[in-house]
Amino acid sequence: NRQDKPKTIEHLDPKVIEKLNPKVIEKLNPRVIERLHPSAISKLNSRIIQKLNVEIIEKLPGSVIERLSPAVLVQLSPTVLHCLKPTVLDDIEKYLYKLEMRDSRDSFPGLVPLP
């Protein structure tokens, strides 16, 4: 009498997944989470959001982005960073400064200093 249920939650339609408890969503594969609506992603724990693709993170509201760690924030585009609170930008700057102090010999080529 078993209906043909999808094997896992991850095969459900993103619109269905979005209605689930955030705690359930957080256990899903990041690739699945990335297909959800930004409003659903916004409810998740920052630790989970940080594992998502940068392009996905950039679509989230500023208030959500501001909760992420500087290590993630430095990967975002300047246009996104400009919309964040000055205190967050200070944190990013301190983070970059720490990195430079720790490793001034060959600074990270991937990190572009903020304008």
N, C-alpha and C. Protein backbone atom coordinates (compact mmCIF):
# COMPACT_ATOMS: atom_id res chain seq x y z
N ASN A 1 0.83 -1.19 0.00
CA ASN A 1 0.00 0.00 0.00
C ASN A 1 0.87 1.26 0.00
N ARG A 2 2.18 1.02 -0.12
CA ARG A 2 3.14 2.13 -0.17
C ARG A 2 2.98 2.95 -1.45
N GLN A 3 2.75 4.26 -1.32
CA GLN A 3 2.73 5.09 -2.53
C GLN A 3 4.17 5.29 -3.00
N ASP A 4 4.29 5.68 -4.24
CA ASP A 4 5.64 5.94 -4.75
C ASP A 4 6.12 7.29 -4.23
N LYS A 5 6.66 7.27 -3.03
CA LYS A 5 7.17 8.50 -2.43
C LYS A 5 8.57 8.75 -3.00
N PRO A 6 8.97 10.03 -3.10
CA PRO A 6 10.37 10.27 -3.48
C PRO A 6 11.27 9.61 -2.44
N LYS A 7 12.45 9.18 -2.86
CA LYS A 7 13.35 8.47 -1.95
C LYS A 7 13.71 9.32 -0.74
N THR A 8 13.97 10.59 -1.01
CA THR A 8 14.36 11.48 0.10
C THR A 8 13.66 12.81 -0.08
N ILE A 9 13.72 13.60 0.95
CA ILE A 9 13.16 14.96 0.91
C ILE A 9 13.81 15.73 -0.25
N GLU A 10 15.07 15.43 -0.51
CA GLU A 10 15.81 16.21 -1.50
C GLU A 10 15.22 16.13 -2.90
N HIS A 11 14.40 15.10 -3.16
CA HIS A 11 13.81 14.98 -4.49
C HIS A 11 12.49 15.72 -4.61
N LEU A 12 12.02 16.27 -3.50
CA LEU A 12 10.76 17.01 -3.54
C LEU A 12 10.94 18.33 -4.28
N ASP A 13 9.83 18.91 -4.65
CA ASP A 13 9.84 20.22 -5.29
C ASP A 13 10.38 21.25 -4.28
N PRO A 14 11.24 22.16 -4.75
CA PRO A 14 11.78 23.17 -3.82
C PRO A 14 10.67 23.90 -3.04
N LYS A 15 9.54 24.15 -3.69
CA LYS A 15 8.44 24.87 -3.01
C LYS A 15 7.92 24.07 -1.82
N VAL A 16 7.99 22.74 -1.91
CA VAL A 16 7.55 21.89 -0.81
C VAL A 16 8.61 21.93 0.29
N ILE A 17 9.86 21.80 -0.11
CA ILE A 17 10.98 21.82 0.85
C ILE A 17 10.96 23.12 1.67
N GLU A 18 10.66 24.24 1.00
CA GLU A 18 10.67 25.54 1.68
C GLU A 18 9.70 25.60 2.85
N LYS A 19 8.65 24.78 2.81
CA LYS A 19 7.65 24.80 3.89
C LYS A 19 8.08 23.98 5.10
N LEU A 20 9.15 23.22 4.95
CA LEU A 20 9.60 22.37 6.05
C LEU A 20 10.25 23.21 7.14
N ASN A 21 10.42 22.58 8.29
CA ASN A 21 11.10 23.22 9.40
C ASN A 21 12.55 23.52 8.98
N PRO A 22 13.04 24.73 9.26
CA PRO A 22 14.44 25.05 8.91
C PRO A 22 15.44 24.01 9.41
N LYS A 23 15.16 23.42 10.58
CA LYS A 23 16.08 22.40 11.13
C LYS A 23 16.17 21.20 10.20
N VAL A 24 15.07 20.89 9.51
CA VAL A 24 15.07 19.77 8.57
C VAL A 24 15.83 20.18 7.31
N ILE A 25 15.54 21.38 6.84
CA ILE A 25 16.19 21.88 5.62
C ILE A 25 17.72 21.91 5.80
N GLU A 26 18.16 22.28 7.00
CA GLU A 26 19.61 22.41 7.24
C GLU A 26 20.35 21.09 7.07
N LYS A 27 19.64 19.96 7.20
CA LYS A 27 20.31 18.68 7.06
C LYS A 27 20.43 18.23 5.60
N LEU A 28 19.80 18.97 4.70
CA LEU A 28 19.82 18.59 3.29
C LEU A 28 21.15 18.96 2.65
N ASN A 29 21.35 18.41 1.48
CA ASN A 29 22.53 18.70 0.69
C ASN A 29 22.54 20.20 0.33
N PRO A 30 23.69 20.86 0.47
CA PRO A 30 23.76 22.29 0.12
C PRO A 30 23.26 22.58 -1.30
N ARG A 31 23.49 21.65 -2.23
CA ARG A 31 23.02 21.87 -3.62
C ARG A 31 21.50 21.96 -3.66
N VAL A 32 20.85 21.21 -2.77
CA VAL A 32 19.38 21.25 -2.71
C VAL A 32 18.94 22.57 -2.09
N ILE A 33 19.60 22.95 -1.02
CA ILE A 33 19.27 24.20 -0.33
C ILE A 33 19.40 25.38 -1.29
N GLU A 34 20.40 25.34 -2.16
CA GLU A 34 20.64 26.46 -3.08
C GLU A 34 19.50 26.68 -4.06
N ARG A 35 18.67 25.67 -4.28
CA ARG A 35 17.56 25.83 -5.22
C ARG A 35 16.33 26.46 -4.55
N LEU A 36 16.40 26.65 -3.24
CA LEU A 36 15.26 27.20 -2.52
C LEU A 36 15.19 28.72 -2.68
N HIS A 37 14.04 29.25 -2.35
CA HIS A 37 13.85 30.70 -2.43
C HIS A 37 14.70 31.38 -1.35
N PRO A 38 15.29 32.55 -1.68
CA PRO A 38 16.13 33.24 -0.68
C PRO A 38 15.45 33.40 0.68
N SER A 39 14.13 33.60 0.69
CA SER A 39 13.46 33.79 1.97
C SER A 39 13.53 32.52 2.83
N ALA A 40 13.50 31.36 2.18
CA ALA A 40 13.61 30.10 2.92
C ALA A 40 15.05 29.92 3.41
N ILE A 41 16.00 30.23 2.56
CA ILE A 41 17.42 30.10 2.93
C ILE A 41 17.74 31.04 4.10
N SER A 42 17.12 32.21 4.09
CA SER A 42 17.39 33.21 5.13
C SER A 42 17.08 32.71 6.53
N LYS A 43 16.16 31.76 6.65
CA LYS A 43 15.76 31.26 7.97
C LYS A 43 16.76 30.25 8.53
N LEU A 44 17.70 29.82 7.71
CA LEU A 44 18.61 28.76 8.15
C LEU A 44 19.73 29.33 9.02
N ASN A 45 20.41 28.43 9.68
CA ASN A 45 21.53 28.78 10.53
C ASN A 45 22.67 29.35 9.67
N SER A 46 23.34 30.37 10.17
CA SER A 46 24.45 30.98 9.43
C SER A 46 25.50 29.96 9.01
N ARG A 47 25.75 28.97 9.86
CA ARG A 47 26.76 27.95 9.52
C ARG A 47 26.40 27.23 8.23
N ILE A 48 25.10 27.02 8.02
CA ILE A 48 24.64 26.33 6.83
C ILE A 48 24.75 27.26 5.62
N ILE A 49 24.30 28.49 5.81
CA ILE A 49 24.32 29.46 4.72
C ILE A 49 25.75 29.66 4.20
N GLN A 50 26.71 29.64 5.12
CA GLN A 50 28.10 29.88 4.72
C GLN A 50 28.64 28.82 3.77
N LYS A 51 28.02 27.63 3.78
CA LYS A 51 28.51 26.57 2.90
C LYS A 51 27.96 26.68 1.48
N LEU A 52 27.03 27.59 1.29
CA LEU A 52 26.40 27.71 -0.02
C LEU A 52 27.28 28.49 -0.98
N ASN A 53 26.91 28.40 -2.23
CA ASN A 53 27.59 29.11 -3.30
C ASN A 53 27.51 30.62 -3.08
N VAL A 54 28.59 31.32 -3.41
CA VAL A 54 28.64 32.77 -3.23
C VAL A 54 27.48 33.46 -3.96
N GLU A 55 27.16 32.99 -5.19
CA GLU A 55 26.09 33.63 -5.96
C GLU A 55 24.76 33.54 -5.21
N ILE A 56 24.57 32.45 -4.48
CA ILE A 56 23.33 32.26 -3.73
C ILE A 56 23.33 33.21 -2.52
N ILE A 57 24.44 33.25 -1.82
CA ILE A 57 24.55 34.11 -0.63
C ILE A 57 24.27 35.57 -1.01
N GLU A 58 24.76 35.99 -2.17
CA GLU A 58 24.60 37.39 -2.58
C GLU A 58 23.15 37.78 -2.82
N LYS A 59 22.28 36.80 -3.04
CA LYS A 59 20.86 37.11 -3.27
C LYS A 59 20.08 37.25 -1.95
N LEU A 60 20.72 36.93 -0.85
CA LEU A 60 20.02 36.96 0.44
C LEU A 60 19.93 38.40 0.96
N PRO A 61 18.98 38.64 1.86
CA PRO A 61 18.88 39.99 2.44
C PRO A 61 20.14 40.37 3.21
N GLY A 62 20.45 41.66 3.22
CA GLY A 62 21.65 42.14 3.91
C GLY A 62 21.72 41.70 5.36
N SER A 63 20.55 41.70 6.02
CA SER A 63 20.54 41.34 7.45
C SER A 63 21.02 39.90 7.66
N VAL A 64 20.80 39.05 6.66
CA VAL A 64 21.24 37.65 6.75
C VAL A 64 22.74 37.59 6.45
N ILE A 65 23.14 38.29 5.41
CA ILE A 65 24.56 38.29 5.01
C ILE A 65 25.43 38.81 6.15
N GLU A 66 24.91 39.81 6.88
CA GLU A 66 25.69 40.42 7.96
C GLU A 66 25.99 39.46 9.10
N ARG A 67 25.26 38.37 9.19
CA ARG A 67 25.51 37.39 10.27
C ARG A 67 26.63 36.41 9.91
N LEU A 68 27.06 36.43 8.66
CA LEU A 68 28.05 35.44 8.23
C LEU A 68 29.45 35.85 8.66
N SER A 69 30.36 34.89 8.62
CA SER A 69 31.71 35.19 9.08
C SER A 69 32.49 35.97 8.02
N PRO A 70 33.44 36.80 8.46
CA PRO A 70 34.24 37.58 7.51
C PRO A 70 34.89 36.72 6.44
N ALA A 71 35.24 35.49 6.79
CA ALA A 71 35.90 34.60 5.81
C ALA A 71 34.99 34.36 4.61
N VAL A 72 33.68 34.37 4.85
CA VAL A 72 32.72 34.19 3.76
C VAL A 72 32.49 35.53 3.07
N LEU A 73 32.34 36.57 3.87
CA LEU A 73 32.03 37.89 3.34
C LEU A 73 33.08 38.39 2.35
N VAL A 74 34.35 38.07 2.59
CA VAL A 74 35.39 38.58 1.69
C VAL A 74 35.23 38.02 0.27
N GLN A 75 34.45 36.96 0.11
CA GLN A 75 34.26 36.38 -1.22
C GLN A 75 33.12 37.05 -1.99
N LEU A 76 32.37 37.89 -1.31
CA LEU A 76 31.22 38.51 -1.97
C LEU A 76 31.64 39.70 -2.82
N SER A 77 30.79 40.07 -3.75
CA SER A 77 31.15 41.17 -4.65
C SER A 77 31.04 42.51 -3.93
N PRO A 78 31.87 43.48 -4.34
CA PRO A 78 31.86 44.81 -3.70
C PRO A 78 30.46 45.42 -3.67
N THR A 79 29.66 45.21 -4.74
CA THR A 79 28.32 45.81 -4.77
C THR A 79 27.48 45.30 -3.60
N VAL A 80 27.64 44.02 -3.27
CA VAL A 80 26.88 43.46 -2.14
C VAL A 80 27.44 44.03 -0.84
N LEU A 81 28.75 44.06 -0.73
CA LEU A 81 29.37 44.53 0.51
C LEU A 81 29.01 45.98 0.81
N HIS A 82 28.86 46.79 -0.23
CA HIS A 82 28.53 48.21 -0.01
C HIS A 82 27.19 48.38 0.67
N CYS A 83 26.32 47.40 0.55
CA CYS A 83 24.98 47.51 1.16
C CYS A 83 24.97 47.09 2.62
N LEU A 84 26.08 46.59 3.12
CA LEU A 84 26.10 46.09 4.50
C LEU A 84 26.40 47.21 5.49
N LYS A 85 26.12 46.91 6.75
CA LYS A 85 26.37 47.90 7.81
C LYS A 85 27.87 48.17 7.94
N PRO A 86 28.22 49.42 8.27
CA PRO A 86 29.65 49.76 8.43
C PRO A 86 30.37 48.85 9.43
N THR A 87 29.67 48.42 10.48
CA THR A 87 30.32 47.57 11.47
C THR A 87 30.76 46.24 10.84
N VAL A 88 29.97 45.77 9.89
CA VAL A 88 30.31 44.51 9.23
C VAL A 88 31.54 44.72 8.36
N LEU A 89 31.58 45.85 7.69
CA LEU A 89 32.75 46.15 6.85
C LEU A 89 34.00 46.26 7.72
N ASP A 90 33.84 46.82 8.93
CA ASP A 90 34.98 46.90 9.85
C ASP A 90 35.49 45.50 10.18
N ASP A 91 34.55 44.59 10.43
CA ASP A 91 34.93 43.21 10.76
C ASP A 91 35.71 42.59 9.61
N ILE A 92 35.25 42.86 8.39
CA ILE A 92 35.94 42.30 7.22
C ILE A 92 37.35 42.87 7.15
N GLU A 93 37.45 44.17 7.37
CA GLU A 93 38.75 44.82 7.31
C GLU A 93 39.71 44.24 8.36
N LYS A 94 39.20 44.05 9.58
CA LYS A 94 40.02 43.46 10.64
C LYS A 94 40.47 42.06 10.24
N TYR A 95 39.53 41.32 9.64
CA TYR A 95 39.84 39.95 9.21
C TYR A 95 40.96 39.97 8.17
N LEU A 96 40.83 40.84 7.18
CA LEU A 96 41.85 40.92 6.13
C LEU A 96 43.19 41.35 6.72
N TYR A 97 43.13 42.28 7.67
CA TYR A 97 44.34 42.76 8.31
C TYR A 97 45.03 41.61 9.04
N LYS A 98 44.23 40.81 9.76
CA LYS A 98 44.79 39.65 10.47
C LYS A 98 45.46 38.69 9.50
N LEU A 99 44.80 38.47 8.37
CA LEU A 99 45.38 37.57 7.36
C LEU A 99 46.71 38.11 6.89
N GLU A 100 46.73 39.41 6.62
CA GLU A 100 47.97 40.02 6.15
C GLU A 100 49.08 39.91 7.18
N MET A 101 48.73 40.16 8.43
CA MET A 101 49.73 40.08 9.49
C MET A 101 50.25 38.65 9.60
N ARG A 102 49.35 37.71 9.45
CA ARG A 102 49.72 36.31 9.62
C ARG A 102 50.58 35.84 8.46
N ASP A 103 50.34 36.42 7.29
CA ASP A 103 51.01 35.90 6.10
C ASP A 103 51.31 37.03 5.13
N SER A 104 52.19 37.92 5.53
CA SER A 104 52.43 39.08 4.67
C SER A 104 53.33 38.73 3.49
N ARG A 105 54.01 37.58 3.53
CA ARG A 105 54.90 37.22 2.43
C ARG A 105 54.14 37.10 1.11
N ASP A 106 53.16 36.19 1.08
CA ASP A 106 52.40 36.09 -0.17
C ASP A 106 50.92 36.22 0.18
N SER A 107 50.41 37.43 0.02
CA SER A 107 49.02 37.66 0.39
C SER A 107 48.13 36.90 -0.59
N PHE A 108 46.92 36.66 -0.19
CA PHE A 108 46.02 35.82 -0.96
C PHE A 108 45.64 36.49 -2.28
N PRO A 109 46.01 35.89 -3.40
CA PRO A 109 45.69 36.53 -4.68
C PRO A 109 44.18 36.60 -4.92
N GLY A 110 43.42 35.70 -4.32
CA GLY A 110 41.98 35.67 -4.54
C GLY A 110 41.25 36.78 -3.84
N LEU A 111 41.85 37.35 -2.80
CA LEU A 111 41.14 38.36 -2.03
C LEU A 111 41.46 39.75 -2.57
N VAL A 112 40.43 40.43 -3.01
CA VAL A 112 40.61 41.78 -3.51
C VAL A 112 40.27 42.73 -2.38
N PRO A 113 41.20 43.61 -2.02
CA PRO A 113 40.87 44.53 -0.91
C PRO A 113 39.67 45.40 -1.27
N LEU A 114 38.90 45.78 -0.29
CA LEU A 114 37.71 46.61 -0.56
C LEU A 114 38.16 47.98 -1.01
N PRO A 115 37.39 48.56 -1.94
CA PRO A 115 37.76 49.91 -2.43
C PRO A 115 37.64 50.94 -1.31
